[in-house]
Amino acid sequence: MADPPIDANTRMAADRTRLAYERTLMAWVRTCTSLIAFGFTIYQAFTMLAASERLREPFISPQLVGAVMIVIGLTALALAWIQHRQQMTLLRAEFGAMPYSIAGIIAALIAGLGVLALLSVTLRM
């Protein structure tokens, strides 16, 4: 016997939950974009300072700090995307088809940008 159709209130509750998952992923994307951008900026700023010889020998390499920030941003973005996919899979199993996540596409684009930044920092160390 087939399941009865979902009433309007339940469908709207599922849509609100889906949108909450989208907002959460976008918040993670913003945070991770900041980490990646700050890591790359730290690397670039200290590279320019070192070229102008205004920088003493630091205890910890600014290039290392920049690379670590980028890696943390990429790791957090990957974990947030995985969690988002798991929650969306559970939501689809419970309530049927849901629209595709645009936030997931943005997360993938930012991850690609982060990989490029990481390659730029690591290949110039």
N, C-alpha and C. Protein backbone atom coordinates (compact mmCIF):
# COMPACT_ATOMS: atom_id res chain seq x y z
N MET A 1 0.83 -1.17 0.00
CA MET A 1 0.00 0.00 0.00
C MET A 1 0.89 1.25 0.00
N ALA A 2 0.54 2.22 -0.78
CA ALA A 2 1.34 3.43 -0.92
C ALA A 2 1.13 4.36 0.28
N ASP A 3 2.16 5.11 0.57
CA ASP A 3 2.06 6.10 1.64
C ASP A 3 1.10 7.20 1.24
N PRO A 4 0.36 7.73 2.20
CA PRO A 4 -0.55 8.85 1.86
C PRO A 4 0.27 10.07 1.49
N PRO A 5 -0.28 10.96 0.67
CA PRO A 5 0.46 12.18 0.30
C PRO A 5 0.72 13.05 1.53
N ILE A 6 1.80 13.76 1.47
CA ILE A 6 2.19 14.64 2.58
C ILE A 6 1.31 15.89 2.55
N ASP A 7 0.79 16.27 3.72
CA ASP A 7 -0.06 17.46 3.78
C ASP A 7 0.79 18.73 3.63
N ALA A 8 0.15 19.85 3.39
CA ALA A 8 0.83 21.11 3.09
C ALA A 8 1.70 21.59 4.26
N ASN A 9 1.21 21.43 5.48
CA ASN A 9 1.99 21.87 6.64
C ASN A 9 3.29 21.08 6.78
N THR A 10 3.22 19.79 6.56
CA THR A 10 4.41 18.96 6.65
C THR A 10 5.39 19.30 5.53
N ARG A 11 4.88 19.53 4.32
CA ARG A 11 5.74 19.89 3.18
C ARG A 11 6.45 21.23 3.44
N MET A 12 5.70 22.19 4.01
CA MET A 12 6.31 23.49 4.31
C MET A 12 7.36 23.36 5.42
N ALA A 13 7.12 22.49 6.38
CA ALA A 13 8.11 22.26 7.44
C ALA A 13 9.38 21.63 6.85
N ALA A 14 9.21 20.71 5.92
CA ALA A 14 10.37 20.10 5.26
C ALA A 14 11.14 21.14 4.45
N ASP A 15 10.42 22.03 3.78
CA ASP A 15 11.08 23.10 3.02
C ASP A 15 11.84 24.05 3.94
N ARG A 16 11.28 24.37 5.09
CA ARG A 16 11.98 25.23 6.04
C ARG A 16 13.24 24.56 6.56
N THR A 17 13.16 23.27 6.79
CA THR A 17 14.33 22.52 7.25
C THR A 17 15.41 22.50 6.17
N ARG A 18 14.99 22.29 4.92
CA ARG A 18 15.95 22.30 3.80
C ARG A 18 16.63 23.65 3.69
N LEU A 19 15.86 24.71 3.80
CA LEU A 19 16.43 26.05 3.72
C LEU A 19 17.36 26.34 4.90
N ALA A 20 17.07 25.79 6.06
CA ALA A 20 17.97 25.94 7.20
C ALA A 20 19.30 25.24 6.93
N TYR A 21 19.23 24.06 6.31
CA TYR A 21 20.46 23.37 5.92
C TYR A 21 21.25 24.20 4.91
N GLU A 22 20.56 24.82 3.98
CA GLU A 22 21.22 25.67 2.98
C GLU A 22 21.91 26.86 3.65
N ARG A 23 21.22 27.51 4.57
CA ARG A 23 21.80 28.66 5.27
C ARG A 23 23.02 28.25 6.09
N THR A 24 22.94 27.10 6.71
CA THR A 24 24.07 26.61 7.50
C THR A 24 25.28 26.36 6.61
N LEU A 25 25.06 25.72 5.47
CA LEU A 25 26.18 25.46 4.56
C LEU A 25 26.75 26.78 4.04
N MET A 26 25.90 27.75 3.73
CA MET A 26 26.40 29.03 3.23
C MET A 26 27.19 29.76 4.32
N ALA A 27 26.81 29.62 5.57
CA ALA A 27 27.58 30.22 6.66
C ALA A 27 28.97 29.57 6.74
N TRP A 28 29.01 28.26 6.56
CA TRP A 28 30.31 27.58 6.53
C TRP A 28 31.13 28.04 5.32
N VAL A 29 30.48 28.21 4.19
CA VAL A 29 31.20 28.68 2.99
C VAL A 29 31.81 30.05 3.26
N ARG A 30 31.06 30.96 3.88
CA ARG A 30 31.60 32.29 4.19
C ARG A 30 32.80 32.19 5.13
N THR A 31 32.68 31.37 6.16
CA THR A 31 33.76 31.22 7.13
C THR A 31 35.01 30.64 6.46
N CYS A 32 34.81 29.62 5.65
CA CYS A 32 35.95 28.96 4.99
C CYS A 32 36.57 29.87 3.93
N THR A 33 35.76 30.65 3.25
CA THR A 33 36.30 31.61 2.29
C THR A 33 37.18 32.62 3.00
N SER A 34 36.76 33.06 4.16
CA SER A 34 37.57 34.00 4.94
C SER A 34 38.89 33.37 5.35
N LEU A 35 38.87 32.14 5.83
CA LEU A 35 40.10 31.46 6.23
C LEU A 35 41.05 31.32 5.04
N ILE A 36 40.52 30.90 3.90
CA ILE A 36 41.35 30.73 2.71
C ILE A 36 41.93 32.07 2.26
N ALA A 37 41.10 33.10 2.22
CA ALA A 37 41.55 34.42 1.78
C ALA A 37 42.58 35.00 2.74
N PHE A 38 42.35 34.89 4.04
CA PHE A 38 43.31 35.42 5.01
C PHE A 38 44.63 34.66 4.94
N GLY A 39 44.56 33.34 4.78
CA GLY A 39 45.78 32.56 4.65
C GLY A 39 46.60 32.98 3.44
N PHE A 40 45.94 33.17 2.31
CA PHE A 40 46.64 33.60 1.10
C PHE A 40 47.17 35.02 1.26
N THR A 41 46.41 35.89 1.90
CA THR A 41 46.84 37.27 2.12
C THR A 41 48.05 37.33 3.04
N ILE A 42 48.06 36.56 4.10
CA ILE A 42 49.22 36.51 5.00
C ILE A 42 50.45 36.07 4.21
N TYR A 43 50.30 35.04 3.41
CA TYR A 43 51.43 34.58 2.61
C TYR A 43 51.94 35.68 1.68
N GLN A 44 51.02 36.33 0.96
CA GLN A 44 51.43 37.37 0.01
C GLN A 44 52.05 38.58 0.72
N ALA A 45 51.47 39.01 1.82
CA ALA A 45 51.98 40.18 2.53
C ALA A 45 53.39 39.94 3.04
N PHE A 46 53.62 38.78 3.64
CA PHE A 46 54.94 38.51 4.17
C PHE A 46 55.95 38.21 3.08
N THR A 47 55.50 37.72 1.95
CA THR A 47 56.40 37.54 0.82
C THR A 47 56.88 38.90 0.32
N MET A 48 55.98 39.86 0.24
CA MET A 48 56.37 41.22 -0.18
C MET A 48 57.28 41.88 0.84
N LEU A 49 57.00 41.70 2.13
CA LEU A 49 57.86 42.25 3.16
C LEU A 49 59.26 41.64 3.13
N ALA A 50 59.32 40.35 2.89
CA ALA A 50 60.62 39.67 2.82
C ALA A 50 61.41 40.16 1.62
N ALA A 51 60.72 40.44 0.52
CA ALA A 51 61.40 40.93 -0.68
C ALA A 51 61.97 42.33 -0.46
N SER A 52 61.32 43.13 0.37
CA SER A 52 61.82 44.48 0.64
C SER A 52 62.79 44.49 1.82
N GLU A 53 63.09 43.35 2.37
CA GLU A 53 64.05 43.16 3.45
C GLU A 53 63.69 43.94 4.72
N ARG A 54 62.43 44.16 4.95
CA ARG A 54 61.97 44.81 6.18
C ARG A 54 61.54 43.79 7.23
N LEU A 55 61.76 42.54 6.97
CA LEU A 55 61.26 41.48 7.84
C LEU A 55 62.43 40.72 8.47
N ARG A 56 62.41 40.62 9.78
CA ARG A 56 63.41 39.79 10.46
C ARG A 56 63.03 38.33 10.27
N GLU A 57 63.93 37.45 10.59
CA GLU A 57 63.66 36.01 10.49
C GLU A 57 62.63 35.63 11.54
N PRO A 58 61.42 35.22 11.12
CA PRO A 58 60.36 34.91 12.10
C PRO A 58 60.57 33.53 12.73
N PHE A 59 59.95 33.35 13.90
CA PHE A 59 60.01 32.07 14.60
C PHE A 59 59.26 31.00 13.80
N ILE A 60 58.07 31.35 13.33
CA ILE A 60 57.27 30.45 12.49
C ILE A 60 57.09 31.13 11.15
N SER A 61 57.32 30.40 10.11
CA SER A 61 57.23 30.95 8.76
C SER A 61 55.81 31.43 8.45
N PRO A 62 55.67 32.67 7.96
CA PRO A 62 54.35 33.16 7.57
C PRO A 62 53.75 32.33 6.42
N GLN A 63 54.62 31.78 5.60
CA GLN A 63 54.13 30.90 4.54
C GLN A 63 53.46 29.66 5.13
N LEU A 64 54.05 29.13 6.20
CA LEU A 64 53.46 27.97 6.87
C LEU A 64 52.12 28.34 7.50
N VAL A 65 52.06 29.49 8.14
CA VAL A 65 50.81 29.93 8.76
C VAL A 65 49.73 30.11 7.69
N GLY A 66 50.09 30.73 6.56
CA GLY A 66 49.13 30.91 5.46
C GLY A 66 48.64 29.58 4.92
N ALA A 67 49.58 28.65 4.71
CA ALA A 67 49.19 27.33 4.18
C ALA A 67 48.30 26.58 5.16
N VAL A 68 48.60 26.68 6.45
CA VAL A 68 47.78 25.99 7.46
C VAL A 68 46.37 26.58 7.49
N MET A 69 46.26 27.90 7.39
CA MET A 69 44.93 28.52 7.36
C MET A 69 44.14 28.05 6.15
N ILE A 70 44.78 27.94 5.01
CA ILE A 70 44.10 27.48 3.80
C ILE A 70 43.65 26.03 3.97
N VAL A 71 44.52 25.20 4.53
CA VAL A 71 44.17 23.78 4.74
C VAL A 71 43.01 23.66 5.72
N ILE A 72 43.02 24.45 6.78
CA ILE A 72 41.91 24.42 7.74
C ILE A 72 40.61 24.84 7.05
N GLY A 73 40.67 25.89 6.23
CA GLY A 73 39.49 26.33 5.50
C GLY A 73 38.96 25.26 4.56
N LEU A 74 39.86 24.60 3.83
CA LEU A 74 39.42 23.54 2.92
C LEU A 74 38.85 22.34 3.67
N THR A 75 39.48 21.98 4.78
CA THR A 75 38.99 20.85 5.57
C THR A 75 37.61 21.14 6.15
N ALA A 76 37.44 22.33 6.70
CA ALA A 76 36.13 22.70 7.27
C ALA A 76 35.07 22.73 6.18
N LEU A 77 35.43 23.22 5.00
CA LEU A 77 34.47 23.27 3.89
C LEU A 77 34.07 21.87 3.46
N ALA A 78 35.04 20.98 3.37
CA ALA A 78 34.73 19.59 2.99
C ALA A 78 33.83 18.92 4.03
N LEU A 79 34.13 19.12 5.30
CA LEU A 79 33.31 18.51 6.36
C LEU A 79 31.89 19.09 6.37
N ALA A 80 31.78 20.39 6.16
CA ALA A 80 30.45 21.02 6.13
C ALA A 80 29.65 20.50 4.94
N TRP A 81 30.31 20.34 3.79
CA TRP A 81 29.62 19.84 2.61
C TRP A 81 29.16 18.39 2.82
N ILE A 82 30.02 17.58 3.43
CA ILE A 82 29.64 16.18 3.70
C ILE A 82 28.44 16.12 4.65
N GLN A 83 28.48 16.93 5.70
CA GLN A 83 27.35 16.96 6.64
C GLN A 83 26.08 17.42 5.94
N HIS A 84 26.18 18.43 5.09
CA HIS A 84 25.02 18.92 4.34
C HIS A 84 24.44 17.82 3.46
N ARG A 85 25.30 17.09 2.77
CA ARG A 85 24.83 16.00 1.90
C ARG A 85 24.12 14.91 2.72
N GLN A 86 24.67 14.58 3.87
CA GLN A 86 24.05 13.56 4.72
C GLN A 86 22.67 14.00 5.19
N GLN A 87 22.55 15.24 5.63
CA GLN A 87 21.27 15.74 6.10
C GLN A 87 20.25 15.82 4.97
N MET A 88 20.70 16.25 3.79
CA MET A 88 19.78 16.31 2.65
C MET A 88 19.33 14.91 2.23
N THR A 89 20.22 13.93 2.31
CA THR A 89 19.84 12.56 1.99
C THR A 89 18.77 12.05 2.96
N LEU A 90 18.94 12.34 4.24
CA LEU A 90 17.93 11.95 5.22
C LEU A 90 16.60 12.66 4.97
N LEU A 91 16.66 13.93 4.63
CA LEU A 91 15.44 14.70 4.37
C LEU A 91 14.72 14.16 3.14
N ARG A 92 15.47 13.82 2.09
CA ARG A 92 14.85 13.25 0.89
C ARG A 92 14.24 11.88 1.17
N ALA A 93 14.90 11.09 2.01
CA ALA A 93 14.36 9.77 2.35
C ALA A 93 13.04 9.90 3.10
N GLU A 94 12.93 10.92 3.92
CA GLU A 94 11.73 11.11 4.73
C GLU A 94 10.59 11.79 3.96
N PHE A 95 10.93 12.80 3.14
CA PHE A 95 9.89 13.63 2.53
C PHE A 95 9.87 13.61 1.00
N GLY A 96 10.70 12.81 0.38
CA GLY A 96 10.68 12.74 -1.08
C GLY A 96 11.62 13.75 -1.72
N ALA A 97 11.40 13.99 -2.98
CA ALA A 97 12.29 14.84 -3.77
C ALA A 97 12.35 16.26 -3.22
N MET A 98 13.57 16.80 -3.24
CA MET A 98 13.83 18.18 -2.83
C MET A 98 14.63 18.85 -3.93
N PRO A 99 14.53 20.17 -4.03
CA PRO A 99 15.34 20.87 -5.04
C PRO A 99 16.83 20.66 -4.79
N TYR A 100 17.61 20.76 -5.86
CA TYR A 100 19.06 20.59 -5.75
C TYR A 100 19.67 21.79 -5.03
N SER A 101 20.74 21.56 -4.30
CA SER A 101 21.36 22.58 -3.46
C SER A 101 22.30 23.48 -4.26
N ILE A 102 21.95 24.73 -4.39
CA ILE A 102 22.84 25.70 -5.02
C ILE A 102 24.01 25.99 -4.10
N ALA A 103 23.80 25.92 -2.80
CA ALA A 103 24.89 26.13 -1.84
C ALA A 103 25.98 25.09 -2.02
N GLY A 104 25.61 23.88 -2.40
CA GLY A 104 26.61 22.83 -2.67
C GLY A 104 27.49 23.18 -3.85
N ILE A 105 26.90 23.79 -4.88
CA ILE A 105 27.67 24.21 -6.05
C ILE A 105 28.64 25.31 -5.66
N ILE A 106 28.17 26.27 -4.87
CA ILE A 106 29.04 27.36 -4.41
C ILE A 106 30.17 26.80 -3.55
N ALA A 107 29.87 25.83 -2.70
CA ALA A 107 30.91 25.21 -1.87
C ALA A 107 31.98 24.56 -2.74
N ALA A 108 31.56 23.89 -3.81
CA ALA A 108 32.53 23.26 -4.71
C ALA A 108 33.40 24.31 -5.41
N LEU A 109 32.80 25.43 -5.82
CA LEU A 109 33.58 26.49 -6.47
C LEU A 109 34.59 27.11 -5.50
N ILE A 110 34.18 27.33 -4.27
CA ILE A 110 35.09 27.90 -3.27
C ILE A 110 36.19 26.89 -2.93
N ALA A 111 35.85 25.61 -2.90
CA ALA A 111 36.87 24.59 -2.66
C ALA A 111 37.90 24.59 -3.78
N GLY A 112 37.45 24.75 -5.02
CA GLY A 112 38.39 24.85 -6.14
C GLY A 112 39.30 26.06 -6.00
N LEU A 113 38.74 27.17 -5.60
CA LEU A 113 39.53 28.38 -5.36
C LEU A 113 40.55 28.14 -4.24
N GLY A 114 40.13 27.46 -3.20
CA GLY A 114 41.04 27.15 -2.10
C GLY A 114 42.17 26.23 -2.51
N VAL A 115 41.87 25.26 -3.36
CA VAL A 115 42.92 24.37 -3.85
C VAL A 115 43.94 25.16 -4.68
N LEU A 116 43.45 26.07 -5.52
CA LEU A 116 44.36 26.91 -6.29
C LEU A 116 45.24 27.76 -5.37
N ALA A 117 44.65 28.34 -4.33
CA ALA A 117 45.43 29.14 -3.38
C ALA A 117 46.47 28.28 -2.67
N LEU A 118 46.08 27.07 -2.27
CA LEU A 118 47.01 26.18 -1.60
C LEU A 118 48.15 25.78 -2.52
N LEU A 119 47.84 25.48 -3.76
CA LEU A 119 48.90 25.15 -4.72
C LEU A 119 49.84 26.33 -4.92
N SER A 120 49.26 27.51 -4.99
CA SER A 120 50.07 28.72 -5.18
C SER A 120 51.03 28.91 -4.00
N VAL A 121 50.55 28.70 -2.79
CA VAL A 121 51.38 28.89 -1.61
C VAL A 121 52.42 27.78 -1.48
N THR A 122 52.03 26.54 -1.70
CA THR A 122 52.95 25.43 -1.48
C THR A 122 54.00 25.31 -2.58
N LEU A 123 53.66 25.65 -3.78
CA LEU A 123 54.65 25.52 -4.86
C LEU A 123 55.65 26.64 -4.86
N ARG A 124 55.40 27.71 -4.12
CA ARG A 124 56.33 28.84 -4.04
C ARG A 124 57.12 28.87 -2.74
N MET A 125 56.92 27.88 -1.88
CA MET A 125 57.62 27.87 -0.58
C MET A 125 59.11 27.66 -0.77
